Amino acid sequence: MAEQDPESINEDFAPRRGAAVYAVEVDGEAVLLDESANRLHHLNHTATLLWACFDGHVRSSELAADIAEELQLPYEQVLNDALAVIRNLGSEGLLDGVRPTLPKESDEP
């Protein structure tokens, strides 16, 4: 499977957690360790909920529909928020099948 750019992720994308990413949840929020990049990432409650659902089988639209129904929120709002989280996590290299966005080089020497 070819990697896609984070910006191209849409409602048909089925996110899968990266194999080298480990999560610890504390008080409903997760801290992710990206072992390959040796970086930590903090997720808020919403992103933690989404992260737990990323199995590579359930499409983003299905996740959004389930969450919208459970929390009684507008589907389009949940879908847009979920896609923003998924694109962000993908750009950080935390999802399989997504090409990480390389950090921009600083202009400083």
PDB file of N, CA and C in Angstrom:
ATOM      1  N   MET A   1       0.834  -1.186   0.000  1.00  0.00           N
ATOM      2  CA  MET A   1       0.000   0.000   0.000  1.00  0.00           C
ATOM      3  C   MET A   1       0.877   1.247   0.000  1.00  0.00           C
ATOM      4  N   ALA A   2       0.633   2.141  -0.931  1.00  0.00           N
ATOM      5  CA  ALA A   2       1.404   3.377  -1.032  1.00  0.00           C
ATOM      6  C   ALA A   2       0.970   4.347   0.059  1.00  0.00           C
ATOM      7  N   GLU A   3       1.935   5.095   0.556  1.00  0.00           N
ATOM      8  CA  GLU A   3       1.611   6.104   1.567  1.00  0.00           C
ATOM      9  C   GLU A   3       0.943   7.295   0.906  1.00  0.00           C
ATOM     10  N   GLN A   4       0.009   7.896   1.611  1.00  0.00           N
ATOM     11  CA  GLN A   4      -0.641   9.091   1.081  1.00  0.00           C
ATOM     12  C   GLN A   4      -0.262  10.295   1.926  1.00  0.00           C
ATOM     13  N   ASP A   5      -0.417  11.458   1.335  1.00  0.00           N
ATOM     14  CA  ASP A   5      -0.153  12.703   2.045  1.00  0.00           C
ATOM     15  C   ASP A   5      -1.286  12.953   3.035  1.00  0.00           C
ATOM     16  N   PRO A   6      -0.982  13.545   4.194  1.00  0.00           N
ATOM     17  CA  PRO A   6      -2.023  13.824   5.186  1.00  0.00           C
ATOM     18  C   PRO A   6      -3.175  14.656   4.636  1.00  0.00           C
ATOM     19  N   GLU A   7      -2.863  15.605   3.741  1.00  0.00           N
ATOM     20  CA  GLU A   7      -3.893  16.490   3.200  1.00  0.00           C
ATOM     21  C   GLU A   7      -4.916  15.737   2.360  1.00  0.00           C
ATOM     22  N   SER A   8      -4.531  14.573   1.830  1.00  0.00           N
ATOM     23  CA  SER A   8      -5.440  13.816   0.967  1.00  0.00           C
ATOM     24  C   SER A   8      -6.351  12.872   1.750  1.00  0.00           C
ATOM     25  N   ILE A   9      -6.186  12.802   3.055  1.00  0.00           N
ATOM     26  CA  ILE A   9      -7.030  11.937   3.876  1.00  0.00           C
ATOM     27  C   ILE A   9      -8.463  12.453   3.837  1.00  0.00           C
ATOM     28  N   ASN A  10      -9.395  11.534   3.561  1.00  0.00           N
ATOM     29  CA  ASN A  10     -10.805  11.907   3.524  1.00  0.00           C
ATOM     30  C   ASN A  10     -11.624  10.911   4.343  1.00  0.00           C
ATOM     31  N   GLU A  11     -12.945  10.997   4.213  1.00  0.00           N
ATOM     32  CA  GLU A  11     -13.833  10.175   5.032  1.00  0.00           C
ATOM     33  C   GLU A  11     -13.725   8.680   4.737  1.00  0.00           C
ATOM     34  N   ASP A  12     -13.108   8.301   3.617  1.00  0.00           N
ATOM     35  CA  ASP A  12     -12.948   6.884   3.280  1.00  0.00           C
ATOM     36  C   ASP A  12     -11.690   6.260   3.883  1.00  0.00           C
ATOM     37  N   PHE A  13     -10.817   7.070   4.436  1.00  0.00           N
ATOM     38  CA  PHE A  13      -9.566   6.580   5.016  1.00  0.00           C
ATOM     39  C   PHE A  13      -9.852   5.833   6.314  1.00  0.00           C
ATOM     40  N   ALA A  14      -9.248   4.656   6.459  1.00  0.00           N
ATOM     41  CA  ALA A  14      -9.379   3.859   7.687  1.00  0.00           C
ATOM     42  C   ALA A  14      -8.056   3.920   8.441  1.00  0.00           C
ATOM     43  N   PRO A  15      -7.955   4.810   9.434  1.00  0.00           N
ATOM     44  CA  PRO A  15      -6.678   5.004  10.120  1.00  0.00           C
ATOM     45  C   PRO A  15      -6.242   3.788  10.934  1.00  0.00           C
ATOM     46  N   ARG A  16      -4.921   3.542  10.917  1.00  0.00           N
ATOM     47  CA  ARG A  16      -4.310   2.468  11.706  1.00  0.00           C
ATOM     48  C   ARG A  16      -3.134   3.061  12.480  1.00  0.00           C
ATOM     49  N   ARG A  17      -3.097   2.757  13.770  1.00  0.00           N
ATOM     50  CA  ARG A  17      -1.996   3.230  14.613  1.00  0.00           C
ATOM     51  C   ARG A  17      -0.668   2.670  14.091  1.00  0.00           C
ATOM     52  N   GLY A  18       0.367   3.489  14.125  1.00  0.00           N
ATOM     53  CA  GLY A  18       1.688   3.047  13.701  1.00  0.00           C
ATOM     54  C   GLY A  18       2.232   1.959  14.614  1.00  0.00           C
ATOM     55  N   ALA A  19       2.962   1.018  14.028  1.00  0.00           N
ATOM     56  CA  ALA A  19       3.485  -0.124  14.785  1.00  0.00           C
ATOM     57  C   ALA A  19       4.510   0.287  15.833  1.00  0.00           C
ATOM     58  N   ALA A  20       5.202   1.389  15.606  1.00  0.00           N
ATOM     59  CA  ALA A  20       6.249   1.833  16.533  1.00  0.00           C
ATOM     60  C   ALA A  20       5.745   2.905  17.490  1.00  0.00           C
ATOM     61  N   VAL A  21       4.414   3.021  17.627  1.00  0.00           N
ATOM     62  CA  VAL A  21       3.828   4.037  18.496  1.00  0.00           C
ATOM     63  C   VAL A  21       3.141   3.346  19.661  1.00  0.00           C
ATOM     64  N   TYR A  22       3.508   3.755  20.856  1.00  0.00           N
ATOM     65  CA  TYR A  22       2.969   3.162  22.078  1.00  0.00           C
ATOM     66  C   TYR A  22       2.212   4.230  22.854  1.00  0.00           C
ATOM     67  N   ALA A  23       1.098   3.835  23.449  1.00  0.00           N
ATOM     68  CA  ALA A  23       0.240   4.799  24.147  1.00  0.00           C
ATOM     69  C   ALA A  23       0.076   4.413  25.607  1.00  0.00           C
ATOM     70  N   VAL A  24       0.020   5.444  26.442  1.00  0.00           N
ATOM     71  CA  VAL A  24      -0.335   5.306  27.849  1.00  0.00           C
ATOM     72  C   VAL A  24      -1.428   6.322  28.107  1.00  0.00           C
ATOM     73  N   GLU A  25      -2.523   5.873  28.705  1.00  0.00           N
ATOM     74  CA  GLU A  25      -3.644   6.763  28.969  1.00  0.00           C
ATOM     75  C   GLU A  25      -3.718   7.069  30.459  1.00  0.00           C
ATOM     76  N   VAL A  26      -3.858   8.364  30.765  1.00  0.00           N
ATOM     77  CA  VAL A  26      -3.985   8.830  32.134  1.00  0.00           C
ATOM     78  C   VAL A  26      -5.125   9.837  32.184  1.00  0.00           C
ATOM     79  N   ASP A  27      -6.111   9.576  33.006  1.00  0.00           N
ATOM     80  CA  ASP A  27      -7.262  10.475  33.156  1.00  0.00           C
ATOM     81  C   ASP A  27      -7.918  10.826  31.831  1.00  0.00           C
ATOM     82  N   GLY A  28      -8.046   9.841  30.941  1.00  0.00           N
ATOM     83  CA  GLY A  28      -8.734  10.050  29.681  1.00  0.00           C
ATOM     84  C   GLY A  28      -7.924  10.720  28.594  1.00  0.00           C
ATOM     85  N   GLU A  29      -6.669  11.013  28.868  1.00  0.00           N
ATOM     86  CA  GLU A  29      -5.791  11.605  27.864  1.00  0.00           C
ATOM     87  C   GLU A  29      -4.603  10.685  27.652  1.00  0.00           C
ATOM     88  N   ALA A  30      -4.150  10.589  26.402  1.00  0.00           N
ATOM     89  CA  ALA A  30      -3.060   9.680  26.070  1.00  0.00           C
ATOM     90  C   ALA A  30      -1.762  10.435  25.824  1.00  0.00           C
ATOM     91  N   VAL A  31      -0.685   9.754  26.159  1.00  0.00           N
ATOM     92  CA  VAL A  31       0.647  10.189  25.774  1.00  0.00           C
ATOM     93  C   VAL A  31       1.171   9.095  24.847  1.00  0.00           C
ATOM     94  N   LEU A  32       1.582   9.513  23.657  1.00  0.00           N
ATOM     95  CA  LEU A  32       2.093   8.574  22.667  1.00  0.00           C
ATOM     96  C   LEU A  32       3.606   8.687  22.591  1.00  0.00           C
ATOM     97  N   LEU A  33       4.268   7.550  22.531  1.00  0.00           N
ATOM     98  CA  LEU A  33       5.703   7.504  22.286  1.00  0.00           C
ATOM     99  C   LEU A  33       5.903   6.974  20.881  1.00  0.00           C
ATOM    100  N   ASP A  34       6.456   7.809  20.033  1.00  0.00           N
ATOM    101  CA  ASP A  34       6.834   7.386  18.691  1.00  0.00           C
ATOM    102  C   ASP A  34       8.270   6.904  18.799  1.00  0.00           C
ATOM    103  N   GLU A  35       8.425   5.595  18.928  1.00  0.00           N
ATOM    104  CA  GLU A  35       9.734   5.016  19.159  1.00  0.00           C
ATOM    105  C   GLU A  35      10.687   5.245  17.993  1.00  0.00           C
ATOM    106  N   SER A  36      10.168   5.269  16.767  1.00  0.00           N
ATOM    107  CA  SER A  36      11.043   5.448  15.615  1.00  0.00           C
ATOM    108  C   SER A  36      11.640   6.849  15.558  1.00  0.00           C
ATOM    109  N   ALA A  37      10.893   7.855  16.021  1.00  0.00           N
ATOM    110  CA  ALA A  37      11.387   9.238  16.010  1.00  0.00           C
ATOM    111  C   ALA A  37      11.829   9.697  17.394  1.00  0.00           C
ATOM    112  N   ASN A  38      11.621   8.846  18.407  1.00  0.00           N
ATOM    113  CA  ASN A  38      11.967   9.171  19.791  1.00  0.00           C
ATOM    114  C   ASN A  38      11.305  10.482  20.227  1.00  0.00           C
ATOM    115  N   ARG A  39       9.974  10.562  19.966  1.00  0.00           N
ATOM    116  CA  ARG A  39       9.211  11.767  20.306  1.00  0.00           C
ATOM    117  C   ARG A  39       7.973  11.383  21.095  1.00  0.00           C
ATOM    118  N   LEU A  40       7.556  12.274  21.986  1.00  0.00           N
ATOM    119  CA  LEU A  40       6.309  12.117  22.735  1.00  0.00           C
ATOM    120  C   LEU A  40       5.250  13.052  22.172  1.00  0.00           C
ATOM    121  N   HIS A  41       3.994  12.616  22.249  1.00  0.00           N
ATOM    122  CA  HIS A  41       2.856  13.414  21.785  1.00  0.00           C
ATOM    123  C   HIS A  41       1.755  13.304  22.832  1.00  0.00           C
ATOM    124  N   HIS A  42       1.150  14.410  23.179  1.00  0.00           N
ATOM    125  CA  HIS A  42       0.045  14.425  24.141  1.00  0.00           C
ATOM    126  C   HIS A  42      -1.263  14.579  23.383  1.00  0.00           C
ATOM    127  N   LEU A  43      -2.234  13.712  23.673  1.00  0.00           N
ATOM    128  CA  LEU A  43      -3.537  13.788  23.032  1.00  0.00           C
ATOM    129  C   LEU A  43      -4.593  14.223  24.043  1.00  0.00           C
ATOM    130  N   ASN A  44      -5.491  15.101  23.620  1.00  0.00           N
ATOM    131  CA  ASN A  44      -6.600  15.487  24.481  1.00  0.00           C
ATOM    132  C   ASN A  44      -7.626  14.351  24.516  1.00  0.00           C
ATOM    133  N   HIS A  45      -8.733  14.554  25.235  1.00  0.00           N
ATOM    134  CA  HIS A  45      -9.747  13.508  25.388  1.00  0.00           C
ATOM    135  C   HIS A  45     -10.300  13.043  24.035  1.00  0.00           C
ATOM    136  N   THR A  46     -10.616  13.988  23.167  1.00  0.00           N
ATOM    137  CA  THR A  46     -11.206  13.645  21.875  1.00  0.00           C
ATOM    138  C   THR A  46     -10.235  12.853  21.013  1.00  0.00           C
ATOM    139  N   ALA A  47      -9.010  13.321  20.916  1.00  0.00           N
ATOM    140  CA  ALA A  47      -8.003  12.625  20.113  1.00  0.00           C
ATOM    141  C   ALA A  47      -7.702  11.246  20.698  1.00  0.00           C
ATOM    142  N   THR A  48      -7.741  11.128  22.022  1.00  0.00           N
ATOM    143  CA  THR A  48      -7.516   9.835  22.676  1.00  0.00           C
ATOM    144  C   THR A  48      -8.624   8.854  22.325  1.00  0.00           C
ATOM    145  N   LEU A  49      -9.863   9.330  22.329  1.00  0.00           N
ATOM    146  CA  LEU A  49     -10.997   8.491  21.938  1.00  0.00           C
ATOM    147  C   LEU A  49     -10.816   7.993  20.508  1.00  0.00           C
ATOM    148  N   LEU A  50     -10.461   8.894  19.608  1.00  0.00           N
ATOM    149  CA  LEU A  50     -10.239   8.508  18.217  1.00  0.00           C
ATOM    150  C   LEU A  50      -9.092   7.508  18.100  1.00  0.00           C
ATOM    151  N   TRP A  51      -7.980   7.790  18.755  1.00  0.00           N
ATOM    152  CA  TRP A  51      -6.794   6.936  18.692  1.00  0.00           C
ATOM    153  C   TRP A  51      -7.149   5.491  19.058  1.00  0.00           C
ATOM    154  N   ALA A  52      -7.967   5.325  20.066  1.00  0.00           N
ATOM    155  CA  ALA A  52      -8.354   3.985  20.513  1.00  0.00           C
ATOM    156  C   ALA A  52      -9.130   3.227  19.436  1.00  0.00           C
ATOM    157  N   CYS A  53      -9.737   3.939  18.502  1.00  0.00           N
ATOM    158  CA  CYS A  53     -10.563   3.327  17.457  1.00  0.00           C
ATOM    159  C   CYS A  53      -9.799   3.050  16.166  1.00  0.00           C
ATOM    160  N   PHE A  54      -8.570   3.489  16.070  1.00  0.00           N
ATOM    161  CA  PHE A  54      -7.799   3.364  14.834  1.00  0.00           C
ATOM    162  C   PHE A  54      -7.262   1.937  14.674  1.00  0.00           C
ATOM    163  N   ASP A  55      -8.032   1.100  13.962  1.00  0.00           N
ATOM    164  CA  ASP A  55      -7.633  -0.290  13.768  1.00  0.00           C
ATOM    165  C   ASP A  55      -7.328  -0.623  12.316  1.00  0.00           C
ATOM    166  N   GLY A  56      -7.469   0.352  11.425  1.00  0.00           N
ATOM    167  CA  GLY A  56      -7.204   0.131  10.010  1.00  0.00           C
ATOM    168  C   GLY A  56      -8.365  -0.483   9.250  1.00  0.00           C
ATOM    169  N   HIS A  57      -9.475  -0.746   9.934  1.00  0.00           N
ATOM    170  CA  HIS A  57     -10.638  -1.355   9.293  1.00  0.00           C
ATOM    171  C   HIS A  57     -11.833  -0.414   9.216  1.00  0.00           C
ATOM    172  N   VAL A  58     -11.987   0.439  10.212  1.00  0.00           N
ATOM    173  CA  VAL A  58     -13.153   1.322  10.288  1.00  0.00           C
ATOM    174  C   VAL A  58     -12.811   2.649   9.623  1.00  0.00           C
ATOM    175  N   ARG A  59     -13.626   3.032   8.647  1.00  0.00           N
ATOM    176  CA  ARG A  59     -13.405   4.280   7.924  1.00  0.00           C
ATOM    177  C   ARG A  59     -13.681   5.492   8.824  1.00  0.00           C
ATOM    178  N   SER A  60     -13.054   6.588   8.493  1.00  0.00           N
ATOM    179  CA  SER A  60     -13.218   7.834   9.250  1.00  0.00           C
ATOM    180  C   SER A  60     -14.685   8.244   9.336  1.00  0.00           C
ATOM    181  N   SER A  61     -15.426   8.067   8.256  1.00  0.00           N
ATOM    182  CA  SER A  61     -16.845   8.435   8.253  1.00  0.00           C
ATOM    183  C   SER A  61     -17.639   7.589   9.238  1.00  0.00           C
ATOM    184  N   GLU A  62     -17.291   6.314   9.355  1.00  0.00           N
ATOM    185  CA  GLU A  62     -17.978   5.438  10.300  1.00  0.00           C
ATOM    186  C   GLU A  62     -17.659   5.815  11.742  1.00  0.00           C
ATOM    187  N   LEU A  63     -16.395   6.138  12.002  1.00  0.00           N
ATOM    188  CA  LEU A  63     -16.003   6.590  13.341  1.00  0.00           C
ATOM    189  C   LEU A  63     -16.776   7.845  13.718  1.00  0.00           C
ATOM    190  N   ALA A  64     -16.816   8.799  12.781  1.00  0.00           N
ATOM    191  CA  ALA A  64     -17.512  10.061  13.040  1.00  0.00           C
ATOM    192  C   ALA A  64     -18.996   9.835  13.288  1.00  0.00           C
ATOM    193  N   ALA A  65     -19.608   8.948  12.521  1.00  0.00           N
ATOM    194  CA  ALA A  65     -21.042   8.673  12.692  1.00  0.00           C
ATOM    195  C   ALA A  65     -21.322   8.071  14.060  1.00  0.00           C
ATOM    196  N   ASP A  66     -20.484   7.127  14.481  1.00  0.00           N
ATOM    197  CA  ASP A  66     -20.672   6.499  15.793  1.00  0.00           C
ATOM    198  C   ASP A  66     -20.507   7.501  16.920  1.00  0.00           C
ATOM    199  N   ILE A  67     -19.472   8.331  16.825  1.00  0.00           N
ATOM    200  CA  ILE A  67     -19.213   9.330  17.874  1.00  0.00           C
ATOM    201  C   ILE A  67     -20.323  10.379  17.880  1.00  0.00           C
ATOM    202  N   ALA A  68     -20.732  10.835  16.721  1.00  0.00           N
ATOM    203  CA  ALA A  68     -21.799  11.837  16.637  1.00  0.00           C
ATOM    204  C   ALA A  68     -23.086  11.307  17.259  1.00  0.00           C
ATOM    205  N   GLU A  69     -23.407  10.060  16.975  1.00  0.00           N
ATOM    206  CA  GLU A  69     -24.618   9.462  17.531  1.00  0.00           C
ATOM    207  C   GLU A  69     -24.513   9.308  19.050  1.00  0.00           C
ATOM    208  N   GLU A  70     -23.372   8.805  19.505  1.00  0.00           N
ATOM    209  CA  GLU A  70     -23.184   8.567  20.937  1.00  0.00           C
ATOM    210  C   GLU A  70     -23.205   9.864  21.740  1.00  0.00           C
ATOM    211  N   LEU A  71     -22.575  10.896  21.205  1.00  0.00           N
ATOM    212  CA  LEU A  71     -22.474  12.171  21.934  1.00  0.00           C
ATOM    213  C   LEU A  71     -23.559  13.171  21.528  1.00  0.00           C
ATOM    214  N   GLN A  72     -24.424  12.767  20.608  1.00  0.00           N
ATOM    215  CA  GLN A  72     -25.509  13.617  20.115  1.00  0.00           C
ATOM    216  C   GLN A  72     -24.985  14.960  19.603  1.00  0.00           C
ATOM    217  N   LEU A  73     -24.017  14.851  18.704  1.00  0.00           N
ATOM    218  CA  LEU A  73     -23.406  16.024  18.072  1.00  0.00           C
ATOM    219  C   LEU A  73     -23.660  15.953  16.572  1.00  0.00           C
ATOM    220  N   PRO A  74     -23.590  17.090  15.878  1.00  0.00           N
ATOM    221  CA  PRO A  74     -23.787  17.086  14.426  1.00  0.00           C
ATOM    222  C   PRO A  74     -22.691  16.279  13.721  1.00  0.00           C
ATOM    223  N   TYR A  75     -23.120  15.397  12.817  1.00  0.00           N
ATOM    224  CA  TYR A  75     -22.186  14.516  12.115  1.00  0.00           C
ATOM    225  C   TYR A  75     -21.098  15.296  11.386  1.00  0.00           C
ATOM    226  N   GLU A  76     -21.463  16.316  10.622  1.00  0.00           N
ATOM    227  CA  GLU A  76     -20.469  17.059   9.839  1.00  0.00           C
ATOM    228  C   GLU A  76     -19.398  17.687  10.728  1.00  0.00           C
ATOM    229  N   GLN A  77     -19.802  18.194  11.877  1.00  0.00           N
ATOM    230  CA  GLN A  77     -18.842  18.782  12.812  1.00  0.00           C
ATOM    231  C   GLN A  77     -17.880  17.713  13.324  1.00  0.00           C
ATOM    232  N   VAL A  78     -18.419  16.563  13.712  1.00  0.00           N
ATOM    233  CA  VAL A  78     -17.580  15.475  14.226  1.00  0.00           C
ATOM    234  C   VAL A  78     -16.649  14.973  13.127  1.00  0.00           C
ATOM    235  N   LEU A  79     -17.166  14.812  11.913  1.00  0.00           N
ATOM    236  CA  LEU A  79     -16.328  14.348  10.810  1.00  0.00           C
ATOM    237  C   LEU A  79     -15.192  15.318  10.538  1.00  0.00           C
ATOM    238  N   ASN A  80     -15.490  16.617  10.461  1.00  0.00           N
ATOM    239  CA  ASN A  80     -14.439  17.617  10.208  1.00  0.00           C
ATOM    240  C   ASN A  80     -13.391  17.616  11.308  1.00  0.00           C
ATOM    241  N   ASP A  81     -13.829  17.527  12.565  1.00  0.00           N
ATOM    242  CA  ASP A  81     -12.883  17.492  13.687  1.00  0.00           C
ATOM    243  C   ASP A  81     -12.045  16.217  13.665  1.00  0.00           C
ATOM    244  N   ALA A  82     -12.699  15.081  13.378  1.00  0.00           N
ATOM    245  CA  ALA A  82     -11.985  13.804  13.326  1.00  0.00           C
ATOM    246  C   ALA A  82     -10.950  13.813  12.210  1.00  0.00           C
ATOM    247  N   LEU A  83     -11.318  14.316  11.038  1.00  0.00           N
ATOM    248  CA  LEU A  83     -10.362  14.378   9.931  1.00  0.00           C
ATOM    249  C   LEU A  83      -9.183  15.282  10.263  1.00  0.00           C
ATOM    250  N   ALA A  84      -9.431  16.370  10.973  1.00  0.00           N
ATOM    251  CA  ALA A  84      -8.330  17.256  11.381  1.00  0.00           C
ATOM    252  C   ALA A  84      -7.360  16.518  12.303  1.00  0.00           C
ATOM    253  N   VAL A  85      -7.893  15.757  13.244  1.00  0.00           N
ATOM    254  CA  VAL A  85      -7.044  14.983  14.158  1.00  0.00           C
ATOM    255  C   VAL A  85      -6.277  13.917  13.378  1.00  0.00           C
ATOM    256  N   ILE A  86      -6.966  13.194  12.506  1.00  0.00           N
ATOM    257  CA  ILE A  86      -6.333  12.130  11.733  1.00  0.00           C
ATOM    258  C   ILE A  86      -5.221  12.691  10.844  1.00  0.00           C
ATOM    259  N   ARG A  87      -5.486  13.796  10.179  1.00  0.00           N
ATOM    260  CA  ARG A  87      -4.463  14.417   9.324  1.00  0.00           C
ATOM    261  C   ARG A  87      -3.262  14.865  10.145  1.00  0.00           C
ATOM    262  N   ASN A  88      -3.526  15.435  11.322  1.00  0.00           N
ATOM    263  CA  ASN A  88      -2.440  15.882  12.187  1.00  0.00           C
ATOM    264  C   ASN A  88      -1.588  14.703  12.659  1.00  0.00           C
ATOM    265  N   LEU A  89      -2.241  13.646  13.128  1.00  0.00           N
ATOM    266  CA  LEU A  89      -1.494  12.472  13.592  1.00  0.00           C
ATOM    267  C   LEU A  89      -0.723  11.837  12.441  1.00  0.00           C
ATOM    268  N   GLY A  90      -1.324  11.824  11.260  1.00  0.00           N
ATOM    269  CA  GLY A  90      -0.629  11.294  10.091  1.00  0.00           C
ATOM    270  C   GLY A  90       0.590  12.114   9.733  1.00  0.00           C
ATOM    271  N   SER A  91       0.448  13.434   9.789  1.00  0.00           N
ATOM    272  CA  SER A  91       1.584  14.300   9.446  1.00  0.00           C
ATOM    273  C   SER A  91       2.729  14.151  10.439  1.00  0.00           C
ATOM    274  N   GLU A  92       2.407  13.723  11.656  1.00  0.00           N
ATOM    275  CA  GLU A  92       3.436  13.492  12.678  1.00  0.00           C
ATOM    276  C   GLU A  92       4.083  12.111  12.553  1.00  0.00           C
ATOM    277  N   GLY A  93       3.609  11.308  11.592  1.00  0.00           N
ATOM    278  CA  GLY A  93       4.192   9.985  11.385  1.00  0.00           C
ATOM    279  C   GLY A  93       3.663   8.928  12.330  1.00  0.00           C
ATOM    280  N   LEU A  94       2.489   9.154  12.907  1.00  0.00           N
ATOM    281  CA  LEU A  94       1.948   8.233  13.905  1.00  0.00           C
ATOM    282  C   LEU A  94       0.964   7.212  13.333  1.00  0.00           C
ATOM    283  N   LEU A  95       0.623   7.334  12.050  1.00  0.00           N
ATOM    284  CA  LEU A  95      -0.337   6.426  11.422  1.00  0.00           C
ATOM    285  C   LEU A  95       0.310   5.677  10.266  1.00  0.00           C
ATOM    286  N   ASP A  96      -0.031   4.398  10.136  1.00  0.00           N
ATOM    287  CA  ASP A  96       0.434   3.622   8.995  1.00  0.00           C
ATOM    288  C   ASP A  96      -0.240   4.120   7.729  1.00  0.00           C
ATOM    289  N   GLY A  97       0.499   4.111   6.641  1.00  0.00           N
ATOM    290  CA  GLY A  97      -0.065   4.478   5.352  1.00  0.00           C
ATOM    291  C   GLY A  97      -0.125   5.965   5.075  1.00  0.00           C
ATOM    292  N   VAL A  98       0.451   6.761   5.978  1.00  0.00           N
ATOM    293  CA  VAL A  98       0.445   8.214   5.786  1.00  0.00           C
ATOM    294  C   VAL A  98       1.892   8.696   5.781  1.00  0.00           C
ATOM    295  N   ARG A  99       2.223   9.483   4.776  1.00  0.00           N
ATOM    296  CA  ARG A  99       3.572  10.033   4.649  1.00  0.00           C
ATOM    297  C   ARG A  99       3.733  11.188   5.630  1.00  0.00           C
ATOM    298  N   PRO A 100       4.669  11.072   6.577  1.00  0.00           N
ATOM    299  CA  PRO A 100       4.869  12.176   7.530  1.00  0.00           C
ATOM    300  C   PRO A 100       5.300  13.451   6.816  1.00  0.00           C
ATOM    301  N   THR A 101       4.878  14.567   7.354  1.00  0.00           N
ATOM    302  CA  THR A 101       5.302  15.860   6.856  1.00  0.00           C
ATOM    303  C   THR A 101       6.655  16.160   7.502  1.00  0.00           C
ATOM    304  N   LEU A 102       7.630  16.405   6.657  1.00  0.00           N
ATOM    305  CA  LEU A 102       8.963  16.682   7.189  1.00  0.00           C
ATOM    306  C   LEU A 102       8.974  18.032   7.881  1.00  0.00           C
ATOM    307  N   PRO A 103       9.675  18.127   9.024  1.00  0.00           N
ATOM    308  CA  PRO A 103       9.745  19.426   9.696  1.00  0.00           C
ATOM    309  C   PRO A 103      10.440  20.444   8.811  1.00  0.00           C
ATOM    310  N   LYS A 104       9.930  21.650   8.856  1.00  0.00           N
ATOM    311  CA  LYS A 104      10.533  22.722   8.067  1.00  0.00           C
ATOM    312  C   LYS A 104      11.865  23.116   8.690  1.00  0.00           C
ATOM    313  N   GLU A 105      12.830  23.328   7.819  1.00  0.00           N
ATOM    314  CA  GLU A 105      14.163  23.715   8.301  1.00  0.00           C
ATOM    315  C   GLU A 105      14.124  25.158   8.779  1.00  0.00           C
ATOM    316  N   SER A 106      14.845  25.408   9.831  1.00  0.00           N
ATOM    317  CA  SER A 106      14.912  26.745  10.395  1.00  0.00           C
ATOM    318  C   SER A 106      15.844  27.614   9.550  1.00  0.00           C
ATOM    319  N   ASP A 107      15.553  28.900   9.493  1.00  0.00           N
ATOM    320  CA  ASP A 107      16.426  29.827   8.771  1.00  0.00           C
ATOM    321  C   ASP A 107      17.640  30.202   9.598  1.00  0.00           C
ATOM    322  N   GLU A 108      17.602  29.844  10.882  1.00  0.00           N
ATOM    323  CA  GLU A 108      18.713  30.200  11.754  1.00  0.00           C
ATOM    324  C   GLU A 108      19.846  29.213  11.576  1.00  0.00           C
ATOM    325  N   PRO A 109      21.109  29.691  11.699  1.00  0.00           N
ATOM    326  CA  PRO A 109      22.270  28.784  11.543  1.00  0.00           C
ATOM    327  C   PRO A 109      22.398  27.822  12.678  1.00  0.00           C
TER     328      PRO A 109
END
